[in-house]
């Protein structure tokens, strides 16, 4: 039985390197026999602002309903996004706010400090790009974007393990280096990790 993988591409810029990375992962995973779906957040129609909070929830748009169905379908989630100002682009953060809702991704129980994890049984990989050096982001900034995704979102919802691949110094990478990274990400897809 083939592995079910959902790739979520969160760079809002059309024809971005993030799109190329997502396509490389899809190509590798499909080549290895996985069933893969690709979700390009920039192509979805939804309000990324959780303006009503959890108490006055906005009704989910059709694209977000489908995204939730695909997340439930998937065994492995792959998030591809750039690190901007130490974290995720606003579009991706809004997607998380609107889709990883109580009752879907987690559920609080009276008398329990931590919620029930409703997305257990799934694994994930973060594939991120950044212009700065990874050592600075990791040791001086504490990897806020990665920690938010791994600990505050995915682990809280039961998704683990969460592995990460970081491509730094993007503004200094040559075409050859970018192509080498595309090959590495295709290999990640082939290994379905």
Protein backbone atom coordinates (compact mmCIF):
# COMPACT_ATOMS: atom_id res chain seq x y z
CA UNK A 1 0.00 0.00 0.00
CA UNK A 2 1.43 3.39 -0.99
CA UNK A 3 2.17 6.13 1.52
CA UNK A 4 -0.19 9.13 1.45
CA UNK A 5 1.69 12.43 1.45
CA UNK A 6 0.37 15.99 1.47
CA UNK A 7 2.82 18.71 0.44
CA UNK A 8 1.78 22.20 1.61
CA UNK A 9 3.66 24.96 -0.21
CA UNK A 10 3.45 28.20 1.77
CA UNK A 11 5.48 30.75 -0.20
CA UNK A 12 2.92 33.32 -1.45
CA UNK A 13 5.18 34.45 -4.32
CA UNK A 14 4.26 32.93 -7.70
CA UNK A 15 6.99 30.89 -9.41
CA UNK A 16 9.08 30.94 -6.24
CA UNK A 17 11.93 28.61 -5.37
CA UNK A 18 9.54 27.20 -2.75
CA UNK A 19 7.28 26.01 -5.57
CA UNK A 20 10.27 24.35 -7.26
CA UNK A 21 11.21 22.62 -3.98
CA UNK A 22 7.64 21.39 -3.48
CA UNK A 23 7.54 20.03 -7.04
CA UNK A 24 10.91 18.31 -6.52
CA UNK A 25 9.61 16.58 -3.38
CA UNK A 26 6.41 15.54 -5.20
CA UNK A 27 8.44 14.15 -8.12
CA UNK A 28 10.64 12.08 -5.82
CA UNK A 29 7.76 10.75 -3.71
CA UNK A 30 5.63 9.84 -6.73
CA UNK A 31 8.65 8.16 -8.31
CA UNK A 32 8.93 6.01 -5.18
CA UNK A 33 5.28 4.99 -5.41
CA UNK A 34 3.67 7.37 -2.93
CA UNK A 35 0.26 8.90 -3.46
CA UNK A 36 0.92 12.65 -3.29
CA UNK A 37 -1.29 15.72 -3.17
CA UNK A 38 0.05 19.27 -3.46
CA UNK A 39 -1.59 22.24 -1.80
CA UNK A 40 -0.37 25.64 -3.08
CA UNK A 41 -1.55 28.10 -0.45
CA UNK A 42 -1.26 31.04 -2.86
CA UNK A 43 -3.89 29.40 -5.08
CA UNK A 44 -6.47 28.98 -2.29
CA UNK A 45 -9.27 31.42 -1.63
CA UNK A 46 -9.69 32.05 2.10
CA UNK A 47 -9.48 34.79 4.69
CA UNK A 48 -6.22 34.18 6.60
CA UNK A 49 -7.36 36.35 9.50
CA UNK A 50 -8.88 34.44 12.42
CA UNK A 51 -10.81 37.60 13.25
CA UNK A 52 -13.45 35.94 15.43
CA UNK A 53 -10.99 33.83 17.37
CA UNK A 54 -12.14 30.39 18.49
CA UNK A 55 -15.40 31.65 20.03
CA UNK A 56 -16.86 33.34 16.96
CA UNK A 57 -15.30 31.15 14.29
CA UNK A 58 -15.59 32.20 10.69
CA UNK A 59 -17.19 29.50 8.58
CA UNK A 60 -14.53 27.62 6.62
CA UNK A 61 -14.27 28.42 2.94
CA UNK A 62 -14.49 25.46 0.50
CA UNK A 63 -10.70 25.49 -0.05
CA UNK A 64 -10.09 25.14 3.71
CA UNK A 65 -12.67 22.35 4.02
CA UNK A 66 -10.80 20.49 1.26
CA UNK A 67 -7.46 21.22 2.97
CA UNK A 68 -8.75 19.68 6.21
CA UNK A 69 -9.96 16.61 4.30
CA UNK A 70 -6.52 16.24 2.70
CA UNK A 71 -4.76 16.64 6.07
CA UNK A 72 -6.98 13.88 7.52
CA UNK A 73 -6.23 11.72 4.46
CA UNK A 74 -2.45 12.16 4.70
CA UNK A 75 -0.01 10.01 6.67
CA UNK A 76 2.89 12.40 6.12
CA UNK A 77 2.74 16.21 5.89
CA UNK A 78 5.46 18.24 4.16
CA UNK A 79 5.49 22.01 4.74
CA UNK A 80 7.60 24.09 2.34
CA UNK A 81 8.01 27.76 3.27
CA UNK A 82 10.51 30.60 3.57
CA UNK A 83 11.61 31.99 6.91
CA UNK A 84 10.63 35.67 6.92
CA UNK A 85 11.42 37.76 10.00
CA UNK A 86 12.26 34.56 11.86
CA UNK A 87 8.93 32.86 11.19
CA UNK A 88 6.43 31.84 8.53
CA UNK A 89 4.88 34.08 5.88
CA UNK A 90 1.54 35.56 7.00
CA UNK A 91 -0.35 33.45 4.43
CA UNK A 92 0.96 30.23 5.94
CA UNK A 93 0.34 31.40 9.50
CA UNK A 94 -3.22 32.33 8.52
CA UNK A 95 -3.69 28.90 6.94
CA UNK A 96 -2.58 27.22 10.18
CA UNK A 97 -4.84 29.51 12.24
CA UNK A 98 -7.87 28.75 10.10
CA UNK A 99 -7.41 24.99 9.46
CA UNK A 100 -5.78 23.59 12.63
CA UNK A 101 -8.89 24.42 14.64
CA UNK A 102 -10.26 22.96 17.88
CA UNK A 103 -12.30 19.88 17.06
CA UNK A 104 -10.18 19.20 13.99
CA UNK A 105 -6.53 19.23 15.08
CA UNK A 106 -6.93 19.21 18.87
CA UNK A 107 -9.64 19.21 21.52
CA UNK A 108 -9.58 20.60 25.05
CA UNK A 109 -11.12 18.46 27.78
CA UNK A 110 -12.44 19.95 30.99
CA UNK A 111 -9.97 19.46 33.82
CA UNK A 112 -7.03 18.63 31.53
CA UNK A 113 -4.28 21.23 30.96
CA UNK A 114 -3.26 19.92 27.54
CA UNK A 115 -5.61 19.12 24.66
CA UNK A 116 -6.29 15.76 23.06
CA UNK A 117 -4.15 15.35 19.94
CA UNK A 118 -6.49 14.67 17.03
CA UNK A 119 -3.84 14.32 14.30
CA UNK A 120 -1.92 11.43 15.89
CA UNK A 121 -0.39 8.87 13.58
CA UNK A 122 1.02 11.42 11.13
CA UNK A 123 4.62 12.48 10.59
CA UNK A 124 5.93 15.69 9.06
CA UNK A 125 8.88 17.41 7.43
CA UNK A 126 9.60 21.14 7.26
CA UNK A 127 11.55 22.33 4.21
CA UNK A 128 12.53 25.94 4.76
CA UNK A 129 14.58 28.58 2.99
CA UNK A 130 16.16 31.72 4.39
CA UNK A 131 18.53 34.45 3.27
CA UNK A 132 20.49 34.56 6.53
CA UNK A 133 22.87 31.93 7.90
CA UNK A 134 21.23 28.95 9.58
CA UNK A 135 23.67 29.09 12.53
CA UNK A 136 22.48 32.61 13.38
CA UNK A 137 18.81 31.63 13.12
CA UNK A 138 19.42 28.53 15.25
CA UNK A 139 21.80 29.72 17.97
CA UNK A 140 20.98 33.41 18.30
CA UNK A 141 17.29 33.53 17.40
CA UNK A 142 16.33 30.08 18.72
CA UNK A 143 14.63 28.94 15.48
CA UNK A 144 11.26 30.60 16.25
CA UNK A 145 9.58 29.51 12.99
CA UNK A 146 10.66 25.90 13.37
CA UNK A 147 9.77 25.80 17.07
CA UNK A 148 6.32 27.27 16.35
CA UNK A 149 5.62 24.67 13.69
CA UNK A 150 7.14 21.67 15.51
CA UNK A 151 6.25 22.26 19.14
CA UNK A 152 3.42 24.78 19.28
CA UNK A 153 1.49 23.39 16.32
CA UNK A 154 2.34 19.91 15.04
CA UNK A 155 3.44 18.17 18.27
CA UNK A 156 0.51 19.77 20.12
CA UNK A 157 -1.81 18.16 17.54
CA UNK A 158 -0.06 14.76 17.73
CA UNK A 159 2.09 14.95 14.58
CA UNK A 160 5.51 13.45 15.23
CA UNK A 161 8.27 13.06 14.51
CA UNK A 162 8.76 16.35 12.70
CA UNK A 163 12.03 16.54 10.78
CA UNK A 164 13.44 19.61 9.10
CA UNK A 165 15.62 20.59 6.17
CA UNK A 166 16.88 24.17 6.06
CA UNK A 167 18.44 25.85 3.03
CA UNK A 168 20.15 29.04 4.12
CA UNK A 169 21.91 31.92 2.38
CA UNK A 170 19.42 31.78 -0.51
CA UNK A 171 20.37 35.26 -1.71
CA UNK A 172 23.93 34.01 -2.25
CA UNK A 173 23.18 30.62 -3.82
CA UNK A 174 24.27 30.03 -7.42
CA UNK A 175 21.98 28.38 -9.96
CA UNK A 176 24.06 25.21 -9.63
CA UNK A 177 23.66 25.19 -5.84
CA UNK A 178 19.92 25.73 -6.14
CA UNK A 179 19.70 22.81 -8.57
CA UNK A 180 21.73 20.64 -6.18
CA UNK A 181 19.23 21.43 -3.43
CA UNK A 182 16.34 20.52 -5.75
CA UNK A 183 18.01 17.13 -6.27
CA UNK A 184 18.45 16.68 -2.50
CA UNK A 185 14.79 17.51 -1.89
CA UNK A 186 13.73 15.12 -4.66
CA UNK A 187 15.75 12.45 -2.84
CA UNK A 188 13.89 13.33 0.40
CA UNK A 189 10.67 12.72 -1.52
CA UNK A 190 12.01 9.39 -2.78
CA UNK A 191 12.73 8.34 0.80
CA UNK A 192 9.26 9.65 1.79
CA UNK A 193 10.67 11.28 4.90
